[in-house]
Amino acid sequence: MFTKAFAVALAAIGGGIGIGVLGSKAAEATGRNPGAATPILVLSIILAALIEGIFILTAFAVPF
């Protein structure tokens, strides 16, 4: 019914969508205010790592 592979697949899809939206909004913010490119980049890298961390947690911690 609900296997570990399904949970990992959902987490991968969610992570991919999340990082895609993050990159899109970061590029938009940099385009609006080029002077804030460095803080936007730093925040984007931190948020991308947190999004990937959710996927890694799902891949290794789901007890199925």
PDB file of N, CA and C in Angstrom:
ATOM      1  N   MET A   1       0.828  -1.187   0.000  1.00  0.00           N
ATOM      2  CA  MET A   1       0.000   0.000   0.000  1.00  0.00           C
ATOM      3  C   MET A   1       0.873   1.252   0.000  1.00  0.00           C
ATOM      4  N   PHE A   2       1.500   1.591   1.108  1.00  0.00           N
ATOM      5  CA  PHE A   2       2.374   2.759   1.188  1.00  0.00           C
ATOM      6  C   PHE A   2       3.773   2.260   1.517  1.00  0.00           C
ATOM      7  N   THR A   3       4.593   2.144   0.497  1.00  0.00           N
ATOM      8  CA  THR A   3       5.925   1.572   0.703  1.00  0.00           C
ATOM      9  C   THR A   3       6.961   2.673   0.916  1.00  0.00           C
ATOM     10  N   LYS A   4       8.150   2.220   1.312  1.00  0.00           N
ATOM     11  CA  LYS A   4       9.240   3.176   1.507  1.00  0.00           C
ATOM     12  C   LYS A   4       9.619   3.840   0.190  1.00  0.00           C
ATOM     13  N   ALA A   5       9.563   3.082  -0.888  1.00  0.00           N
ATOM     14  CA  ALA A   5       9.904   3.650  -2.194  1.00  0.00           C
ATOM     15  C   ALA A   5       8.940   4.771  -2.563  1.00  0.00           C
ATOM     16  N   PHE A   6       7.664   4.602  -2.232  1.00  0.00           N
ATOM     17  CA  PHE A   6       6.674   5.630  -2.522  1.00  0.00           C
ATOM     18  C   PHE A   6       6.944   6.883  -1.685  1.00  0.00           C
ATOM     19  N   ALA A   7       7.286   6.693  -0.411  1.00  0.00           N
ATOM     20  CA  ALA A   7       7.586   7.833   0.458  1.00  0.00           C
ATOM     21  C   ALA A   7       8.821   8.575  -0.030  1.00  0.00           C
ATOM     22  N   VAL A   8       9.838   7.856  -0.443  1.00  0.00           N
ATOM     23  CA  VAL A   8      11.059   8.488  -0.946  1.00  0.00           C
ATOM     24  C   VAL A   8      10.779   9.211  -2.258  1.00  0.00           C
ATOM     25  N   ALA A   9       9.941   8.610  -3.105  1.00  0.00           N
ATOM     26  CA  ALA A   9       9.597   9.259  -4.374  1.00  0.00           C
ATOM     27  C   ALA A   9       8.848  10.571  -4.131  1.00  0.00           C
ATOM     28  N   LEU A  10       7.904  10.556  -3.198  1.00  0.00           N
ATOM     29  CA  LEU A  10       7.176  11.785  -2.881  1.00  0.00           C
ATOM     30  C   LEU A  10       8.115  12.849  -2.318  1.00  0.00           C
ATOM     31  N   ALA A  11       9.037  12.444  -1.462  1.00  0.00           N
ATOM     32  CA  ALA A  11       9.989  13.396  -0.900  1.00  0.00           C
ATOM     33  C   ALA A  11      10.903  13.964  -1.983  1.00  0.00           C
ATOM     34  N   ALA A  12      11.304  13.129  -2.934  1.00  0.00           N
ATOM     35  CA  ALA A  12      12.164  13.603  -4.022  1.00  0.00           C
ATOM     36  C   ALA A  12      11.414  14.589  -4.915  1.00  0.00           C
ATOM     37  N   ILE A  13      10.164  14.280  -5.211  1.00  0.00           N
ATOM     38  CA  ILE A  13       9.368  15.194  -6.033  1.00  0.00           C
ATOM     39  C   ILE A  13       9.161  16.518  -5.299  1.00  0.00           C
ATOM     40  N   GLY A  14       8.817  16.434  -4.015  1.00  0.00           N
ATOM     41  CA  GLY A  14       8.621  17.647  -3.226  1.00  0.00           C
ATOM     42  C   GLY A  14       9.894  18.470  -3.110  1.00  0.00           C
ATOM     43  N   GLY A  15      11.017  17.791  -2.908  1.00  0.00           N
ATOM     44  CA  GLY A  15      12.300  18.497  -2.823  1.00  0.00           C
ATOM     45  C   GLY A  15      12.666  19.168  -4.137  1.00  0.00           C
ATOM     46  N   GLY A  16      12.419  18.474  -5.252  1.00  0.00           N
ATOM     47  CA  GLY A  16      12.706  19.058  -6.561  1.00  0.00           C
ATOM     48  C   GLY A  16      11.857  20.284  -6.839  1.00  0.00           C
ATOM     49  N   ILE A  17      10.585  20.193  -6.507  1.00  0.00           N
ATOM     50  CA  ILE A  17       9.694  21.339  -6.700  1.00  0.00           C
ATOM     51  C   ILE A  17      10.115  22.491  -5.783  1.00  0.00           C
ATOM     52  N   GLY A  18      10.438  22.161  -4.528  1.00  0.00           N
ATOM     53  CA  GLY A  18      10.841  23.194  -3.574  1.00  0.00           C
ATOM     54  C   GLY A  18      12.102  23.927  -4.004  1.00  0.00           C
ATOM     55  N   ILE A  19      13.101  23.186  -4.460  1.00  0.00           N
ATOM     56  CA  ILE A  19      14.345  23.825  -4.892  1.00  0.00           C
ATOM     57  C   ILE A  19      14.118  24.607  -6.188  1.00  0.00           C
ATOM     58  N   GLY A  20      13.234  24.112  -7.048  1.00  0.00           N
ATOM     59  CA  GLY A  20      12.909  24.857  -8.261  1.00  0.00           C
ATOM     60  C   GLY A  20      12.253  26.194  -7.958  1.00  0.00           C
ATOM     61  N   VAL A  21      11.296  26.184  -7.039  1.00  0.00           N
ATOM     62  CA  VAL A  21      10.628  27.434  -6.646  1.00  0.00           C
ATOM     63  C   VAL A  21      11.625  28.367  -5.959  1.00  0.00           C
ATOM     64  N   LEU A  22      12.474  27.803  -5.117  1.00  0.00           N
ATOM     65  CA  LEU A  22      13.487  28.612  -4.438  1.00  0.00           C
ATOM     66  C   LEU A  22      14.409  29.298  -5.438  1.00  0.00           C
ATOM     67  N   GLY A  23      14.888  28.556  -6.429  1.00  0.00           N
ATOM     68  CA  GLY A  23      15.769  29.143  -7.436  1.00  0.00           C
ATOM     69  C   GLY A  23      15.075  30.210  -8.259  1.00  0.00           C
ATOM     70  N   SER A  24      13.826  29.953  -8.597  1.00  0.00           N
ATOM     71  CA  SER A  24      13.058  30.923  -9.364  1.00  0.00           C
ATOM     72  C   SER A  24      12.878  32.225  -8.597  1.00  0.00           C
ATOM     73  N   LYS A  25      12.497  32.114  -7.342  1.00  0.00           N
ATOM     74  CA  LYS A  25      12.267  33.324  -6.542  1.00  0.00           C
ATOM     75  C   LYS A  25      13.573  34.043  -6.220  1.00  0.00           C
ATOM     76  N   ALA A  26      14.669  33.298  -6.051  1.00  0.00           N
ATOM     77  CA  ALA A  26      15.963  33.933  -5.799  1.00  0.00           C
ATOM     78  C   ALA A  26      16.428  34.705  -7.028  1.00  0.00           C
ATOM     79  N   ALA A  27      16.225  34.131  -8.215  1.00  0.00           N
ATOM     80  CA  ALA A  27      16.598  34.834  -9.435  1.00  0.00           C
ATOM     81  C   ALA A  27      15.736  36.085  -9.616  1.00  0.00           C
ATOM     82  N   GLU A  28      14.455  35.968  -9.298  1.00  0.00           N
ATOM     83  CA  GLU A  28      13.562  37.121  -9.398  1.00  0.00           C
ATOM     84  C   GLU A  28      13.972  38.225  -8.422  1.00  0.00           C
ATOM     85  N   ALA A  29      14.311  37.831  -7.196  1.00  0.00           N
ATOM     86  CA  ALA A  29      14.720  38.824  -6.193  1.00  0.00           C
ATOM     87  C   ALA A  29      16.037  39.493  -6.585  1.00  0.00           C
ATOM     88  N   THR A  30      16.959  38.715  -7.139  1.00  0.00           N
ATOM     89  CA  THR A  30      18.231  39.291  -7.580  1.00  0.00           C
ATOM     90  C   THR A  30      18.018  40.240  -8.756  1.00  0.00           C
ATOM     91  N   GLY A  31      17.093  39.906  -9.629  1.00  0.00           N
ATOM     92  CA  GLY A  31      16.779  40.788 -10.743  1.00  0.00           C
ATOM     93  C   GLY A  31      16.165  42.101 -10.287  1.00  0.00           C
ATOM     94  N   ARG A  32      15.382  42.052  -9.218  1.00  0.00           N
ATOM     95  CA  ARG A  32      14.754  43.271  -8.713  1.00  0.00           C
ATOM     96  C   ARG A  32      15.751  44.151  -7.947  1.00  0.00           C
ATOM     97  N   ASN A  33      16.692  43.489  -7.240  1.00  0.00           N
ATOM     98  CA  ASN A  33      17.648  44.249  -6.434  1.00  0.00           C
ATOM     99  C   ASN A  33      19.029  43.600  -6.563  1.00  0.00           C
ATOM    100  N   PRO A  34      19.775  43.937  -7.603  1.00  0.00           N
ATOM    101  CA  PRO A  34      21.086  43.304  -7.818  1.00  0.00           C
ATOM    102  C   PRO A  34      22.083  43.545  -6.686  1.00  0.00           C
ATOM    103  N   GLY A  35      21.903  44.605  -5.927  1.00  0.00           N
ATOM    104  CA  GLY A  35      22.818  44.883  -4.826  1.00  0.00           C
ATOM    105  C   GLY A  35      22.708  43.885  -3.686  1.00  0.00           C
ATOM    106  N   ALA A  36      21.584  43.182  -3.620  1.00  0.00           N
ATOM    107  CA  ALA A  36      21.363  42.203  -2.546  1.00  0.00           C
ATOM    108  C   ALA A  36      21.660  40.784  -3.010  1.00  0.00           C
ATOM    109  N   ALA A  37      22.456  40.650  -4.062  1.00  0.00           N
ATOM    110  CA  ALA A  37      22.713  39.322  -4.622  1.00  0.00           C
ATOM    111  C   ALA A  37      23.423  38.392  -3.637  1.00  0.00           C
ATOM    112  N   THR A  38      24.388  38.900  -2.890  1.00  0.00           N
ATOM    113  CA  THR A  38      25.133  38.041  -1.956  1.00  0.00           C
ATOM    114  C   THR A  38      24.263  37.524  -0.815  1.00  0.00           C
ATOM    115  N   PRO A  39      23.490  38.364  -0.133  1.00  0.00           N
ATOM    116  CA  PRO A  39      22.622  37.812   0.919  1.00  0.00           C
ATOM    117  C   PRO A  39      21.558  36.857   0.373  1.00  0.00           C
ATOM    118  N   ILE A  40      21.066  37.132  -0.822  1.00  0.00           N
ATOM    119  CA  ILE A  40      20.074  36.238  -1.426  1.00  0.00           C
ATOM    120  C   ILE A  40      20.720  34.892  -1.731  1.00  0.00           C
ATOM    121  N   LEU A  41      21.948  34.903  -2.245  1.00  0.00           N
ATOM    122  CA  LEU A  41      22.656  33.669  -2.546  1.00  0.00           C
ATOM    123  C   LEU A  41      22.903  32.850  -1.284  1.00  0.00           C
ATOM    124  N   VAL A  42      23.342  33.503  -0.231  1.00  0.00           N
ATOM    125  CA  VAL A  42      23.612  32.803   1.029  1.00  0.00           C
ATOM    126  C   VAL A  42      22.343  32.172   1.573  1.00  0.00           C
ATOM    127  N   LEU A  43      21.264  32.918   1.600  1.00  0.00           N
ATOM    128  CA  LEU A  43      19.993  32.401   2.094  1.00  0.00           C
ATOM    129  C   LEU A  43      19.480  31.270   1.216  1.00  0.00           C
ATOM    130  N   SER A  44      19.663  31.381  -0.084  1.00  0.00           N
ATOM    131  CA  SER A  44      19.224  30.326  -1.001  1.00  0.00           C
ATOM    132  C   SER A  44      19.990  29.030  -0.771  1.00  0.00           C
ATOM    133  N   ILE A  45      21.288  29.128  -0.537  1.00  0.00           N
ATOM    134  CA  ILE A  45      22.090  27.932  -0.286  1.00  0.00           C
ATOM    135  C   ILE A  45      21.662  27.266   1.013  1.00  0.00           C
ATOM    136  N   ILE A  46      21.419  28.050   2.047  1.00  0.00           N
ATOM    137  CA  ILE A  46      20.969  27.488   3.326  1.00  0.00           C
ATOM    138  C   ILE A  46      19.622  26.807   3.169  1.00  0.00           C
ATOM    139  N   LEU A  47      18.689  27.461   2.489  1.00  0.00           N
ATOM    140  CA  LEU A  47      17.354  26.877   2.315  1.00  0.00           C
ATOM    141  C   LEU A  47      17.392  25.637   1.433  1.00  0.00           C
ATOM    142  N   ALA A  48      18.225  25.626   0.400  1.00  0.00           N
ATOM    143  CA  ALA A  48      18.350  24.435  -0.441  1.00  0.00           C
ATOM    144  C   ALA A  48      18.895  23.258   0.362  1.00  0.00           C
ATOM    145  N   ALA A  49      19.837  23.523   1.255  1.00  0.00           N
ATOM    146  CA  ALA A  49      20.377  22.450   2.101  1.00  0.00           C
ATOM    147  C   ALA A  49      19.304  21.907   3.043  1.00  0.00           C
ATOM    148  N   LEU A  50      18.466  22.786   3.574  1.00  0.00           N
ATOM    149  CA  LEU A  50      17.389  22.323   4.452  1.00  0.00           C
ATOM    150  C   LEU A  50      16.357  21.502   3.681  1.00  0.00           C
ATOM    151  N   ILE A  51      16.048  21.909   2.464  1.00  0.00           N
ATOM    152  CA  ILE A  51      15.107  21.146   1.643  1.00  0.00           C
ATOM    153  C   ILE A  51      15.677  19.770   1.324  1.00  0.00           C
ATOM    154  N   GLU A  52      16.944  19.708   0.963  1.00  0.00           N
ATOM    155  CA  GLU A  52      17.575  18.417   0.685  1.00  0.00           C
ATOM    156  C   GLU A  52      17.669  17.564   1.943  1.00  0.00           C
ATOM    157  N   GLY A  53      17.813  18.212   3.090  1.00  0.00           N
ATOM    158  CA  GLY A  53      17.854  17.470   4.351  1.00  0.00           C
ATOM    159  C   GLY A  53      16.564  16.729   4.627  1.00  0.00           C
ATOM    160  N   ILE A  54      15.436  17.321   4.251  1.00  0.00           N
ATOM    161  CA  ILE A  54      14.153  16.641   4.419  1.00  0.00           C
ATOM    162  C   ILE A  54      14.114  15.383   3.561  1.00  0.00           C
ATOM    163  N   PHE A  55      14.623  15.475   2.337  1.00  0.00           N
ATOM    164  CA  PHE A  55      14.661  14.295   1.480  1.00  0.00           C
ATOM    165  C   PHE A  55      15.560  13.210   2.071  1.00  0.00           C
ATOM    166  N   ILE A  56      16.711  13.595   2.559  1.00  0.00           N
ATOM    167  CA  ILE A  56      17.644  12.616   3.131  1.00  0.00           C
ATOM    168  C   ILE A  56      17.035  11.956   4.362  1.00  0.00           C
ATOM    169  N   LEU A  57      16.359  12.750   5.187  1.00  0.00           N
ATOM    170  CA  LEU A  57      15.670  12.164   6.343  1.00  0.00           C
ATOM    171  C   LEU A  57      14.638  11.138   5.911  1.00  0.00           C
ATOM    172  N   THR A  58      13.893  11.455   4.883  1.00  0.00           N
ATOM    173  CA  THR A  58      12.889  10.513   4.396  1.00  0.00           C
ATOM    174  C   THR A  58      13.535   9.268   3.829  1.00  0.00           C
ATOM    175  N   ALA A  59      14.604   9.439   3.090  1.00  0.00           N
ATOM    176  CA  ALA A  59      15.250   8.299   2.436  1.00  0.00           C
ATOM    177  C   ALA A  59      15.842   7.310   3.451  1.00  0.00           C
ATOM    178  N   PHE A  60      16.336   7.813   4.576  1.00  0.00           N
ATOM    179  CA  PHE A  60      17.026   6.933   5.518  1.00  0.00           C
ATOM    180  C   PHE A  60      16.270   6.674   6.807  1.00  0.00           C
ATOM    181  N   ALA A  61      15.257   7.461   7.125  1.00  0.00           N
ATOM    182  CA  ALA A  61      14.615   7.320   8.421  1.00  0.00           C
ATOM    183  C   ALA A  61      13.214   6.748   8.364  1.00  0.00           C
ATOM    184  N   VAL A  62      12.651   6.542   7.179  1.00  0.00           N
ATOM    185  CA  VAL A  62      11.307   5.967   7.104  1.00  0.00           C
ATOM    186  C   VAL A  62      11.407   4.480   7.420  1.00  0.00           C
ATOM    187  N   PRO A  63      10.762   4.039   8.488  1.00  0.00           N
ATOM    188  CA  PRO A  63      10.934   2.631   8.932  1.00  0.00           C
ATOM    189  C   PRO A  63       9.969   1.665   8.274  1.00  0.00           C
ATOM    190  N   PHE A  64      10.067   1.509   6.973  1.00  0.00           N
ATOM    191  CA  PHE A  64       9.205   0.533   6.301  1.00  0.00           C
ATOM    192  C   PHE A  64      10.005  -0.661   5.886  1.00  0.00           C
TER     193      PHE A  64
END
